[in-house]
Amino acid sequence: MPEPSAAAEARPRLAPGVRLRFDTTRQAWLLLAPERVIETEGPTHEILSRCDGLRTTGQIVDELAAIYTAPRADIEADVHALLDTLAAKRLVLL
């Protein structure tokens, strides 16, 4: 089976049972999955908060390019790398 890939037209969303929540005790955003807690911050949270199954990966990249002052190609590479990694761990569906 081929590895998932965050193509520009993919509509990433969190996998069933995975939630993005703010923890007031830690004052941090957490990605909660069965038997896993991953603290997210900065760009990681910005990417995951847009993984709603409606936006395409390309739209997420465009939104982040408007927020951050970095070359679009760099943002695109980072978004694809993160989504591909999380998809391989079955935390995100592409």
PDB file of N, CA and C in Angstrom:
ATOM      1  N   MET A   1       0.842  -1.176   0.000  1.00  0.00           N
ATOM      2  CA  MET A   1       0.000   0.000   0.000  1.00  0.00           C
ATOM      3  C   MET A   1       0.893   1.247   0.000  1.00  0.00           C
ATOM      4  N   PRO A   2       0.674   2.205  -0.899  1.00  0.00           N
ATOM      5  CA  PRO A   2       1.520   3.389  -0.955  1.00  0.00           C
ATOM      6  C   PRO A   2       1.294   4.290   0.250  1.00  0.00           C
ATOM      7  N   GLU A   3       2.325   5.036   0.607  1.00  0.00           N
ATOM      8  CA  GLU A   3       2.228   5.996   1.695  1.00  0.00           C
ATOM      9  C   GLU A   3       1.266   7.103   1.311  1.00  0.00           C
ATOM     10  N   PRO A   4       0.486   7.635   2.277  1.00  0.00           N
ATOM     11  CA  PRO A   4      -0.378   8.773   1.974  1.00  0.00           C
ATOM     12  C   PRO A   4       0.468   9.989   1.627  1.00  0.00           C
ATOM     13  N   SER A   5      -0.084  10.851   0.816  1.00  0.00           N
ATOM     14  CA  SER A   5       0.634  12.057   0.429  1.00  0.00           C
ATOM     15  C   SER A   5      -0.309  13.241   0.453  1.00  0.00           C
ATOM     16  N   ALA A   6       0.149  14.327   1.064  1.00  0.00           N
ATOM     17  CA  ALA A   6      -0.658  15.538   1.202  1.00  0.00           C
ATOM     18  C   ALA A   6      -0.621  16.339  -0.090  1.00  0.00           C
ATOM     19  N   ALA A   7      -1.238  15.806  -1.143  1.00  0.00           N
ATOM     20  CA  ALA A   7      -1.304  16.510  -2.420  1.00  0.00           C
ATOM     21  C   ALA A   7      -2.070  17.816  -2.244  1.00  0.00           C
ATOM     22  N   ALA A   8      -1.838  18.756  -3.134  1.00  0.00           N
ATOM     23  CA  ALA A   8      -2.449  20.081  -3.030  1.00  0.00           C
ATOM     24  C   ALA A   8      -3.968  20.013  -2.991  1.00  0.00           C
ATOM     25  N   GLU A   9      -4.573  19.004  -3.639  1.00  0.00           N
ATOM     26  CA  GLU A   9      -6.031  18.914  -3.670  1.00  0.00           C
ATOM     27  C   GLU A   9      -6.608  18.053  -2.548  1.00  0.00           C
ATOM     28  N   ALA A  10      -5.747  17.440  -1.725  1.00  0.00           N
ATOM     29  CA  ALA A  10      -6.220  16.636  -0.592  1.00  0.00           C
ATOM     30  C   ALA A  10      -6.940  17.542   0.401  1.00  0.00           C
ATOM     31  N   ARG A  11      -7.912  16.976   1.098  1.00  0.00           N
ATOM     32  CA  ARG A  11      -8.670  17.711   2.115  1.00  0.00           C
ATOM     33  C   ARG A  11      -8.414  17.042   3.471  1.00  0.00           C
ATOM     34  N   PRO A  12      -7.290  17.400   4.110  1.00  0.00           N
ATOM     35  CA  PRO A  12      -6.915  16.723   5.355  1.00  0.00           C
ATOM     36  C   PRO A  12      -7.898  17.009   6.487  1.00  0.00           C
ATOM     37  N   ARG A  13      -8.067  15.986   7.319  1.00  0.00           N
ATOM     38  CA  ARG A  13      -8.890  16.133   8.520  1.00  0.00           C
ATOM     39  C   ARG A  13      -8.312  15.225   9.599  1.00  0.00           C
ATOM     40  N   LEU A  14      -8.635  15.525  10.830  1.00  0.00           N
ATOM     41  CA  LEU A  14      -8.172  14.689  11.918  1.00  0.00           C
ATOM     42  C   LEU A  14      -8.873  13.334  11.824  1.00  0.00           C
ATOM     43  N   ALA A  15      -8.150  12.297  12.144  1.00  0.00           N
ATOM     44  CA  ALA A  15      -8.694  10.945  12.102  1.00  0.00           C
ATOM     45  C   ALA A  15      -9.773  10.788  13.175  1.00  0.00           C
ATOM     46  N   PRO A  16     -10.681   9.834  12.994  1.00  0.00           N
ATOM     47  CA  PRO A  16     -11.691   9.583  14.028  1.00  0.00           C
ATOM     48  C   PRO A  16     -11.022   9.307  15.376  1.00  0.00           C
ATOM     49  N   GLY A  17     -11.541   9.908  16.413  1.00  0.00           N
ATOM     50  CA  GLY A  17     -10.990   9.730  17.754  1.00  0.00           C
ATOM     51  C   GLY A  17      -9.848  10.668  18.085  1.00  0.00           C
ATOM     52  N   VAL A  18      -9.426  11.489  17.125  1.00  0.00           N
ATOM     53  CA  VAL A  18      -8.332  12.440  17.350  1.00  0.00           C
ATOM     54  C   VAL A  18      -8.933  13.829  17.495  1.00  0.00           C
ATOM     55  N   ARG A  19      -8.494  14.563  18.518  1.00  0.00           N
ATOM     56  CA  ARG A  19      -9.036  15.897  18.787  1.00  0.00           C
ATOM     57  C   ARG A  19      -7.905  16.876  19.051  1.00  0.00           C
ATOM     58  N   LEU A  20      -8.140  18.124  18.701  1.00  0.00           N
ATOM     59  CA  LEU A  20      -7.218  19.213  19.005  1.00  0.00           C
ATOM     60  C   LEU A  20      -7.886  20.037  20.098  1.00  0.00           C
ATOM     61  N   ARG A  21      -7.277  20.081  21.275  1.00  0.00           N
ATOM     62  CA  ARG A  21      -7.885  20.761  22.423  1.00  0.00           C
ATOM     63  C   ARG A  21      -6.854  21.630  23.135  1.00  0.00           C
ATOM     64  N   PHE A  22      -7.351  22.722  23.732  1.00  0.00           N
ATOM     65  CA  PHE A  22      -6.490  23.580  24.536  1.00  0.00           C
ATOM     66  C   PHE A  22      -6.538  23.096  25.976  1.00  0.00           C
ATOM     67  N   ASP A  23      -5.367  22.861  26.553  1.00  0.00           N
ATOM     68  CA  ASP A  23      -5.250  22.412  27.941  1.00  0.00           C
ATOM     69  C   ASP A  23      -4.900  23.620  28.796  1.00  0.00           C
ATOM     70  N   THR A  24      -5.840  24.021  29.649  1.00  0.00           N
ATOM     71  CA  THR A  24      -5.611  25.215  30.475  1.00  0.00           C
ATOM     72  C   THR A  24      -4.530  24.991  31.526  1.00  0.00           C
ATOM     73  N   THR A  25      -4.353  23.750  31.958  1.00  0.00           N
ATOM     74  CA  THR A  25      -3.309  23.463  32.941  1.00  0.00           C
ATOM     75  C   THR A  25      -1.925  23.677  32.339  1.00  0.00           C
ATOM     76  N   ARG A  26      -1.727  23.172  31.154  1.00  0.00           N
ATOM     77  CA  ARG A  26      -0.434  23.307  30.466  1.00  0.00           C
ATOM     78  C   ARG A  26      -0.324  24.607  29.676  1.00  0.00           C
ATOM     79  N   GLN A  27      -1.471  25.274  29.456  1.00  0.00           N
ATOM     80  CA  GLN A  27      -1.512  26.456  28.606  1.00  0.00           C
ATOM     81  C   GLN A  27      -0.927  26.145  27.231  1.00  0.00           C
ATOM     82  N   ALA A  28      -1.412  25.019  26.678  1.00  0.00           N
ATOM     83  CA  ALA A  28      -0.889  24.555  25.391  1.00  0.00           C
ATOM     84  C   ALA A  28      -1.980  23.814  24.635  1.00  0.00           C
ATOM     85  N   TRP A  29      -1.856  23.827  23.309  1.00  0.00           N
ATOM     86  CA  TRP A  29      -2.738  23.043  22.445  1.00  0.00           C
ATOM     87  C   TRP A  29      -2.206  21.624  22.389  1.00  0.00           C
ATOM     88  N   LEU A  30      -3.115  20.655  22.527  1.00  0.00           N
ATOM     89  CA  LEU A  30      -2.743  19.248  22.515  1.00  0.00           C
ATOM     90  C   LEU A  30      -3.497  18.520  21.417  1.00  0.00           C
ATOM     91  N   LEU A  31      -2.819  17.611  20.778  1.00  0.00           N
ATOM     92  CA  LEU A  31      -3.439  16.691  19.843  1.00  0.00           C
ATOM     93  C   LEU A  31      -3.679  15.419  20.648  1.00  0.00           C
ATOM     94  N   LEU A  32      -4.956  15.106  20.869  1.00  0.00           N
ATOM     95  CA  LEU A  32      -5.319  13.968  21.707  1.00  0.00           C
ATOM     96  C   LEU A  32      -5.777  12.814  20.823  1.00  0.00           C
ATOM     97  N   ALA A  33      -5.178  11.672  21.032  1.00  0.00           N
ATOM     98  CA  ALA A  33      -5.525  10.460  20.308  1.00  0.00           C
ATOM     99  C   ALA A  33      -5.513   9.315  21.315  1.00  0.00           C
ATOM    100  N   PRO A  34      -6.145   8.202  20.980  1.00  0.00           N
ATOM    101  CA  PRO A  34      -6.107   7.082  21.920  1.00  0.00           C
ATOM    102  C   PRO A  34      -4.668   6.740  22.335  1.00  0.00           C
ATOM    103  N   GLU A  35      -4.430   6.793  23.619  1.00  0.00           N
ATOM    104  CA  GLU A  35      -3.136   6.485  24.221  1.00  0.00           C
ATOM    105  C   GLU A  35      -2.016   7.411  23.776  1.00  0.00           C
ATOM    106  N   ARG A  36      -2.351   8.594  23.258  1.00  0.00           N
ATOM    107  CA  ARG A  36      -1.331   9.561  22.828  1.00  0.00           C
ATOM    108  C   ARG A  36      -1.760  10.971  23.184  1.00  0.00           C
ATOM    109  N   VAL A  37      -0.798  11.765  23.603  1.00  0.00           N
ATOM    110  CA  VAL A  37      -0.993  13.194  23.814  1.00  0.00           C
ATOM    111  C   VAL A  37       0.228  13.878  23.211  1.00  0.00           C
ATOM    112  N   ILE A  38      -0.020  14.742  22.232  1.00  0.00           N
ATOM    113  CA  ILE A  38       1.080  15.435  21.561  1.00  0.00           C
ATOM    114  C   ILE A  38       0.851  16.930  21.706  1.00  0.00           C
ATOM    115  N   GLU A  39       1.798  17.612  22.304  1.00  0.00           N
ATOM    116  CA  GLU A  39       1.695  19.068  22.446  1.00  0.00           C
ATOM    117  C   GLU A  39       2.040  19.720  21.113  1.00  0.00           C
ATOM    118  N   THR A  40       1.172  20.613  20.689  1.00  0.00           N
ATOM    119  CA  THR A  40       1.415  21.324  19.432  1.00  0.00           C
ATOM    120  C   THR A  40       1.615  22.797  19.761  1.00  0.00           C
ATOM    121  N   GLU A  41       2.390  23.451  18.955  1.00  0.00           N
ATOM    122  CA  GLU A  41       2.608  24.880  19.169  1.00  0.00           C
ATOM    123  C   GLU A  41       2.934  25.544  17.840  1.00  0.00           C
ATOM    124  N   GLY A  42       2.763  26.834  17.793  1.00  0.00           N
ATOM    125  CA  GLY A  42       3.115  27.630  16.626  1.00  0.00           C
ATOM    126  C   GLY A  42       2.533  27.109  15.335  1.00  0.00           C
ATOM    127  N   PRO A  43       3.380  26.948  14.321  1.00  0.00           N
ATOM    128  CA  PRO A  43       2.897  26.526  13.001  1.00  0.00           C
ATOM    129  C   PRO A  43       2.185  25.174  13.004  1.00  0.00           C
ATOM    130  N   THR A  44       2.596  24.258  13.863  1.00  0.00           N
ATOM    131  CA  THR A  44       1.936  22.950  13.911  1.00  0.00           C
ATOM    132  C   THR A  44       0.468  23.113  14.275  1.00  0.00           C
ATOM    133  N   HIS A  45       0.199  23.929  15.283  1.00  0.00           N
ATOM    134  CA  HIS A  45      -1.193  24.183  15.659  1.00  0.00           C
ATOM    135  C   HIS A  45      -1.935  24.896  14.542  1.00  0.00           C
ATOM    136  N   GLU A  46      -1.278  25.851  13.900  1.00  0.00           N
ATOM    137  CA  GLU A  46      -1.919  26.586  12.794  1.00  0.00           C
ATOM    138  C   GLU A  46      -2.317  25.632  11.668  1.00  0.00           C
ATOM    139  N   ILE A  47      -1.477  24.665  11.373  1.00  0.00           N
ATOM    140  CA  ILE A  47      -1.787  23.691  10.322  1.00  0.00           C
ATOM    141  C   ILE A  47      -2.939  22.789  10.763  1.00  0.00           C
ATOM    142  N   LEU A  48      -2.810  22.206  11.951  1.00  0.00           N
ATOM    143  CA  LEU A  48      -3.821  21.256  12.416  1.00  0.00           C
ATOM    144  C   LEU A  48      -5.183  21.897  12.620  1.00  0.00           C
ATOM    145  N   SER A  49      -5.212  23.142  13.030  1.00  0.00           N
ATOM    146  CA  SER A  49      -6.502  23.804  13.242  1.00  0.00           C
ATOM    147  C   SER A  49      -7.250  24.012  11.924  1.00  0.00           C
ATOM    148  N   ARG A  50      -6.544  23.922  10.809  1.00  0.00           N
ATOM    149  CA  ARG A  50      -7.155  24.079   9.488  1.00  0.00           C
ATOM    150  C   ARG A  50      -7.497  22.740   8.832  1.00  0.00           C
ATOM    151  N   CYS A  51      -7.159  21.649   9.478  1.00  0.00           N
ATOM    152  CA  CYS A  51      -7.456  20.319   8.932  1.00  0.00           C
ATOM    153  C   CYS A  51      -8.891  19.945   9.289  1.00  0.00           C
ATOM    154  N   ASP A  52      -9.834  20.528   8.548  1.00  0.00           N
ATOM    155  CA  ASP A  52     -11.250  20.352   8.839  1.00  0.00           C
ATOM    156  C   ASP A  52     -11.975  19.504   7.801  1.00  0.00           C
ATOM    157  N   GLY A  53     -11.253  19.006   6.805  1.00  0.00           N
ATOM    158  CA  GLY A  53     -11.871  18.216   5.758  1.00  0.00           C
ATOM    159  C   GLY A  53     -12.534  19.061   4.684  1.00  0.00           C
ATOM    160  N   LEU A  54     -12.550  20.364   4.868  1.00  0.00           N
ATOM    161  CA  LEU A  54     -13.135  21.281   3.892  1.00  0.00           C
ATOM    162  C   LEU A  54     -12.060  21.979   3.071  1.00  0.00           C
ATOM    163  N   ARG A  55     -11.018  22.447   3.757  1.00  0.00           N
ATOM    164  CA  ARG A  55      -9.925  23.128   3.070  1.00  0.00           C
ATOM    165  C   ARG A  55      -9.018  22.103   2.396  1.00  0.00           C
ATOM    166  N   THR A  56      -8.502  22.470   1.239  1.00  0.00           N
ATOM    167  CA  THR A  56      -7.497  21.629   0.603  1.00  0.00           C
ATOM    168  C   THR A  56      -6.140  21.959   1.213  1.00  0.00           C
ATOM    169  N   THR A  57      -5.190  21.071   0.974  1.00  0.00           N
ATOM    170  CA  THR A  57      -3.831  21.340   1.446  1.00  0.00           C
ATOM    171  C   THR A  57      -3.315  22.632   0.826  1.00  0.00           C
ATOM    172  N   GLY A  58      -3.619  22.861  -0.442  1.00  0.00           N
ATOM    173  CA  GLY A  58      -3.212  24.094  -1.112  1.00  0.00           C
ATOM    174  C   GLY A  58      -3.806  25.331  -0.451  1.00  0.00           C
ATOM    175  N   GLN A  59      -5.067  25.260  -0.022  1.00  0.00           N
ATOM    176  CA  GLN A  59      -5.695  26.395   0.663  1.00  0.00           C
ATOM    177  C   GLN A  59      -5.037  26.642   2.021  1.00  0.00           C
ATOM    178  N   ILE A  60      -4.698  25.567   2.714  1.00  0.00           N
ATOM    179  CA  ILE A  60      -4.014  25.705   4.005  1.00  0.00           C
ATOM    180  C   ILE A  60      -2.676  26.405   3.795  1.00  0.00           C
ATOM    181  N   VAL A  61      -1.938  25.987   2.778  1.00  0.00           N
ATOM    182  CA  VAL A  61      -0.647  26.621   2.475  1.00  0.00           C
ATOM    183  C   VAL A  61      -0.849  28.099   2.152  1.00  0.00           C
ATOM    184  N   ASP A  62      -1.854  28.420   1.352  1.00  0.00           N
ATOM    185  CA  ASP A  62      -2.119  29.817   0.999  1.00  0.00           C
ATOM    186  C   ASP A  62      -2.449  30.654   2.233  1.00  0.00           C
ATOM    187  N   GLU A  63      -3.267  30.115   3.134  1.00  0.00           N
ATOM    188  CA  GLU A  63      -3.622  30.842   4.354  1.00  0.00           C
ATOM    189  C   GLU A  63      -2.388  31.093   5.216  1.00  0.00           C
ATOM    190  N   LEU A  64      -1.542  30.078   5.356  1.00  0.00           N
ATOM    191  CA  LEU A  64      -0.342  30.237   6.179  1.00  0.00           C
ATOM    192  C   LEU A  64       0.664  31.175   5.517  1.00  0.00           C
ATOM    193  N   ALA A  65       0.716  31.174   4.196  1.00  0.00           N
ATOM    194  CA  ALA A  65       1.609  32.088   3.479  1.00  0.00           C
ATOM    195  C   ALA A  65       1.182  33.538   3.719  1.00  0.00           C
ATOM    196  N   ALA A  66      -0.118  33.759   3.891  1.00  0.00           N
ATOM    197  CA  ALA A  66      -0.608  35.107   4.175  1.00  0.00           C
ATOM    198  C   ALA A  66      -0.285  35.541   5.608  1.00  0.00           C
ATOM    199  N   ILE A  67      -0.148  34.558   6.518  1.00  0.00           N
ATOM    200  CA  ILE A  67       0.127  34.873   7.925  1.00  0.00           C
ATOM    201  C   ILE A  67       1.620  35.049   8.190  1.00  0.00           C
ATOM    202  N   TYR A  68       2.419  34.111   7.678  1.00  0.00           N
ATOM    203  CA  TYR A  68       3.852  34.099   7.955  1.00  0.00           C
ATOM    204  C   TYR A  68       4.633  34.726   6.804  1.00  0.00           C
ATOM    205  N   THR A  69       5.700  35.362   7.130  1.00  0.00           N
ATOM    206  CA  THR A  69       6.549  35.968   6.100  1.00  0.00           C
ATOM    207  C   THR A  69       7.678  35.003   5.757  1.00  0.00           C
ATOM    208  N   ALA A  70       7.301  33.973   5.034  1.00  0.00           N
ATOM    209  CA  ALA A  70       8.266  32.972   4.577  1.00  0.00           C
ATOM    210  C   ALA A  70       7.888  32.616   3.144  1.00  0.00           C
ATOM    211  N   PRO A  71       8.849  32.168   2.364  1.00  0.00           N
ATOM    212  CA  PRO A  71       8.529  31.765   0.994  1.00  0.00           C
ATOM    213  C   PRO A  71       7.454  30.677   0.979  1.00  0.00           C
ATOM    214  N   ARG A  72       6.522  30.786   0.045  1.00  0.00           N
ATOM    215  CA  ARG A  72       5.421  29.830  -0.053  1.00  0.00           C
ATOM    216  C   ARG A  72       5.950  28.403  -0.210  1.00  0.00           C
ATOM    217  N   ALA A  73       7.011  28.236  -0.969  1.00  0.00           N
ATOM    218  CA  ALA A  73       7.580  26.897  -1.179  1.00  0.00           C
ATOM    219  C   ALA A  73       8.038  26.277   0.141  1.00  0.00           C
ATOM    220  N   ASP A  74       8.601  27.092   1.037  1.00  0.00           N
ATOM    221  CA  ASP A  74       9.036  26.591   2.346  1.00  0.00           C
ATOM    222  C   ASP A  74       7.839  26.160   3.188  1.00  0.00           C
ATOM    223  N   ILE A  75       6.793  26.996   3.178  1.00  0.00           N
ATOM    224  CA  ILE A  75       5.588  26.671   3.934  1.00  0.00           C
ATOM    225  C   ILE A  75       4.954  25.398   3.382  1.00  0.00           C
ATOM    226  N   GLU A  76       4.897  25.299   2.066  1.00  0.00           N
ATOM    227  CA  GLU A  76       4.311  24.121   1.435  1.00  0.00           C
ATOM    228  C   GLU A  76       5.075  22.859   1.823  1.00  0.00           C
ATOM    229  N   ALA A  77       6.391  22.922   1.813  1.00  0.00           N
ATOM    230  CA  ALA A  77       7.206  21.766   2.188  1.00  0.00           C
ATOM    231  C   ALA A  77       6.949  21.370   3.645  1.00  0.00           C
ATOM    232  N   ASP A  78       6.857  22.360   4.527  1.00  0.00           N
ATOM    233  CA  ASP A  78       6.603  22.079   5.947  1.00  0.00           C
ATOM    234  C   ASP A  78       5.221  21.472   6.160  1.00  0.00           C
ATOM    235  N   VAL A  79       4.205  22.020   5.488  1.00  0.00           N
ATOM    236  CA  VAL A  79       2.843  21.504   5.625  1.00  0.00           C
ATOM    237  C   VAL A  79       2.782  20.062   5.123  1.00  0.00           C
ATOM    238  N   HIS A  80       3.348  19.806   3.954  1.00  0.00           N
ATOM    239  CA  HIS A  80       3.338  18.447   3.405  1.00  0.00           C
ATOM    240  C   HIS A  80       4.088  17.484   4.312  1.00  0.00           C
ATOM    241  N   ALA A  81       5.221  17.890   4.840  1.00  0.00           N
ATOM    242  CA  ALA A  81       6.004  17.014   5.720  1.00  0.00           C
ATOM    243  C   ALA A  81       5.219  16.671   6.988  1.00  0.00           C
ATOM    244  N   LEU A  82       4.613  17.672   7.608  1.00  0.00           N
ATOM    245  CA  LEU A  82       3.851  17.425   8.833  1.00  0.00           C
ATOM    246  C   LEU A  82       2.657  16.521   8.556  1.00  0.00           C
ATOM    247  N   LEU A  83       1.881  16.850   7.528  1.00  0.00           N
ATOM    248  CA  LEU A  83       0.692  16.048   7.234  1.00  0.00           C
ATOM    249  C   LEU A  83       1.048  14.623   6.833  1.00  0.00           C
ATOM    250  N   ASP A  84       2.098  14.450   6.057  1.00  0.00           N
ATOM    251  CA  ASP A  84       2.519  13.097   5.680  1.00  0.00           C
ATOM    252  C   ASP A  84       2.955  12.297   6.906  1.00  0.00           C
ATOM    253  N   THR A  85       3.669  12.931   7.825  1.00  0.00           N
ATOM    254  CA  THR A  85       4.119  12.263   9.056  1.00  0.00           C
ATOM    255  C   THR A  85       2.927  11.855   9.910  1.00  0.00           C
ATOM    256  N   LEU A  86       1.983  12.789  10.106  1.00  0.00           N
ATOM    257  CA  LEU A  86       0.817  12.487  10.935  1.00  0.00           C
ATOM    258  C   LEU A  86      -0.112  11.482  10.261  1.00  0.00           C
ATOM    259  N   ALA A  87      -0.186  11.504   8.948  1.00  0.00           N
ATOM    260  CA  ALA A  87      -0.996  10.512   8.225  1.00  0.00           C
ATOM    261  C   ALA A  87      -0.391   9.119   8.386  1.00  0.00           C
ATOM    262  N   ALA A  88       0.925   9.024   8.336  1.00  0.00           N
ATOM    263  CA  ALA A  88       1.596   7.735   8.517  1.00  0.00           C
ATOM    264  C   ALA A  88       1.340   7.174   9.911  1.00  0.00           C
ATOM    265  N   LYS A  89       1.120   8.074  10.892  1.00  0.00           N
ATOM    266  CA  LYS A  89       0.827   7.655  12.269  1.00  0.00           C
ATOM    267  C   LYS A  89      -0.679   7.502  12.499  1.00  0.00           C
ATOM    268  N   ARG A  90      -1.455   7.694  11.429  1.00  0.00           N
ATOM    269  CA  ARG A  90      -2.916   7.570  11.455  1.00  0.00           C
ATOM    270  C   ARG A  90      -3.586   8.586  12.373  1.00  0.00           C
ATOM    271  N   LEU A  91      -3.003   9.783  12.459  1.00  0.00           N
ATOM    272  CA  LEU A  91      -3.599  10.858  13.237  1.00  0.00           C
ATOM    273  C   LEU A  91      -4.358  11.833  12.331  1.00  0.00           C
ATOM    274  N   VAL A  92      -4.005  11.845  11.059  1.00  0.00           N
ATOM    275  CA  VAL A  92      -4.647  12.717  10.076  1.00  0.00           C
ATOM    276  C   VAL A  92      -5.020  11.862   8.876  1.00  0.00           C
ATOM    277  N   LEU A  93      -6.179  12.152   8.304  1.00  0.00           N
ATOM    278  CA  LEU A  93      -6.601  11.491   7.071  1.00  0.00           C
ATOM    279  C   LEU A  93      -6.424  12.459   5.917  1.00  0.00           C
ATOM    280  N   LEU A  94      -5.860  11.982   4.812  1.00  0.00           N
ATOM    281  CA  LEU A  94      -5.637  12.829   3.642  1.00  0.00           C
ATOM    282  C   LEU A  94      -6.616  12.484   2.537  1.00  0.00           C
TER     283      LEU A  94
END
